[in-house]
């Protein structure tokens, strides 16, 4: 699903294929860069993985492999996120 049009899971903001704001975890949960750095502190609330910038699908591949236009919005449970982050404080950030 890399490069698909998606919706940031926390705020429901649009993250189209060419967005430089889209971040994904190893399971490709998608969040905007602002939420990853300020709210999630680089820990995915779904899988506890860290984030990388989502790749942008090259335009020549869009015709054969079009983007998914079905939005997906899953607000973050702040209480659960707090428990996850607290449980990981003893782990160095690079090992999350």
Protein backbone atom coordinates (compact mmCIF):
# COMPACT_ATOMS: atom_id res chain seq x y z
CA UNK A 1 0.00 0.00 0.00
CA UNK A 2 2.95 2.36 -0.08
CA UNK A 3 2.08 5.55 -1.87
CA UNK A 4 -1.69 5.26 -1.60
CA UNK A 5 -4.00 8.16 -0.96
CA UNK A 6 -4.78 7.83 2.69
CA UNK A 7 -6.17 9.68 5.62
CA UNK A 8 -4.05 10.43 8.66
CA UNK A 9 -5.35 8.07 11.32
CA UNK A 10 -5.31 10.61 14.15
CA UNK A 11 -6.70 13.81 12.64
CA UNK A 12 -8.35 12.45 9.50
CA UNK A 13 -6.35 14.77 7.26
CA UNK A 14 -5.79 13.94 3.60
CA UNK A 15 -2.40 12.45 2.70
CA UNK A 16 -2.41 11.97 -1.10
CA UNK A 17 0.23 10.05 -3.02
CA UNK A 18 2.51 13.06 -3.43
CA UNK A 19 2.30 14.21 0.20
CA UNK A 20 5.61 14.89 1.90
CA UNK A 21 3.81 14.79 5.27
CA UNK A 22 2.84 11.08 5.20
CA UNK A 23 4.62 8.80 7.66
CA UNK A 24 4.19 5.00 7.91
CA UNK A 25 5.15 2.34 10.44
CA UNK A 26 6.26 -1.19 9.50
CA UNK A 27 2.59 -2.21 9.08
CA UNK A 28 1.99 0.93 6.99
CA UNK A 29 -0.30 2.61 9.49
CA UNK A 30 -0.33 6.17 8.16
CA UNK A 31 -0.09 9.36 10.17
CA UNK A 32 0.94 12.90 9.29
CA UNK A 33 4.42 14.08 10.21
CA UNK A 34 3.10 16.57 12.76
CA UNK A 35 1.18 13.91 14.72
CA UNK A 36 4.11 11.47 14.61
CA UNK A 37 6.51 14.01 16.10
CA UNK A 38 4.26 15.87 18.55
CA UNK A 39 1.59 13.45 19.75
CA UNK A 40 2.84 9.93 19.03
CA UNK A 41 6.51 10.64 19.77
CA UNK A 42 7.55 8.27 16.94
CA UNK A 43 5.68 5.25 18.40
CA UNK A 44 2.79 3.75 16.41
CA UNK A 45 -0.25 3.33 18.69
CA UNK A 46 -1.34 0.29 16.67
CA UNK A 47 1.83 -1.83 16.46
CA UNK A 48 4.38 0.06 18.61
CA UNK A 49 6.72 0.40 15.63
CA UNK A 50 8.59 3.54 14.65
CA UNK A 51 7.85 5.68 11.61
CA UNK A 52 9.56 6.45 8.31
CA UNK A 53 8.57 8.87 5.57
CA UNK A 54 6.14 7.18 3.17
CA UNK A 55 7.47 6.68 -0.33
CA UNK A 56 5.85 8.61 -3.17
CA UNK A 57 4.73 6.36 -6.00
CA UNK A 58 6.28 7.49 -9.28
CA UNK A 59 3.76 8.89 -11.74
CA UNK A 60 4.60 6.25 -14.37
CA UNK A 61 3.31 3.54 -12.01
CA UNK A 62 0.09 5.30 -11.03
CA UNK A 63 -1.80 4.20 -14.17
CA UNK A 64 -1.07 0.48 -13.64
CA UNK A 65 -1.18 0.72 -9.83
CA UNK A 66 -3.64 3.52 -8.98
CA UNK A 67 -3.89 4.91 -5.49
CA UNK A 68 -6.57 3.72 -3.09
CA UNK A 69 -9.15 6.47 -2.67
CA UNK A 70 -11.03 4.86 0.21
CA UNK A 71 -10.36 6.97 3.31
CA UNK A 72 -9.54 5.28 6.60
CA UNK A 73 -9.75 7.22 9.82
CA UNK A 74 -9.04 5.67 13.20
CA UNK A 75 -8.67 8.23 15.99
CA UNK A 76 -5.90 7.56 18.50
CA UNK A 77 -6.94 6.42 21.97
CA UNK A 78 -4.84 8.79 24.09
CA UNK A 79 -5.12 6.65 27.24
CA UNK A 80 -3.84 3.56 25.41
CA UNK A 81 -1.08 5.58 23.77
CA UNK A 82 0.05 6.86 27.17
CA UNK A 83 0.24 3.27 28.50
CA UNK A 84 2.23 2.14 25.45
CA UNK A 85 4.74 4.99 25.73
CA UNK A 86 5.16 4.50 29.48
CA UNK A 87 5.79 0.80 28.97
CA UNK A 88 8.55 1.57 26.46
CA UNK A 89 10.46 4.24 28.40
CA UNK A 90 13.16 1.78 29.43
CA UNK A 91 13.84 0.83 25.79
CA UNK A 92 16.23 3.08 23.84
CA UNK A 93 14.29 4.88 21.10
CA UNK A 94 16.27 3.25 18.27
CA UNK A 95 15.12 -0.21 19.53
CA UNK A 96 11.34 0.47 19.57
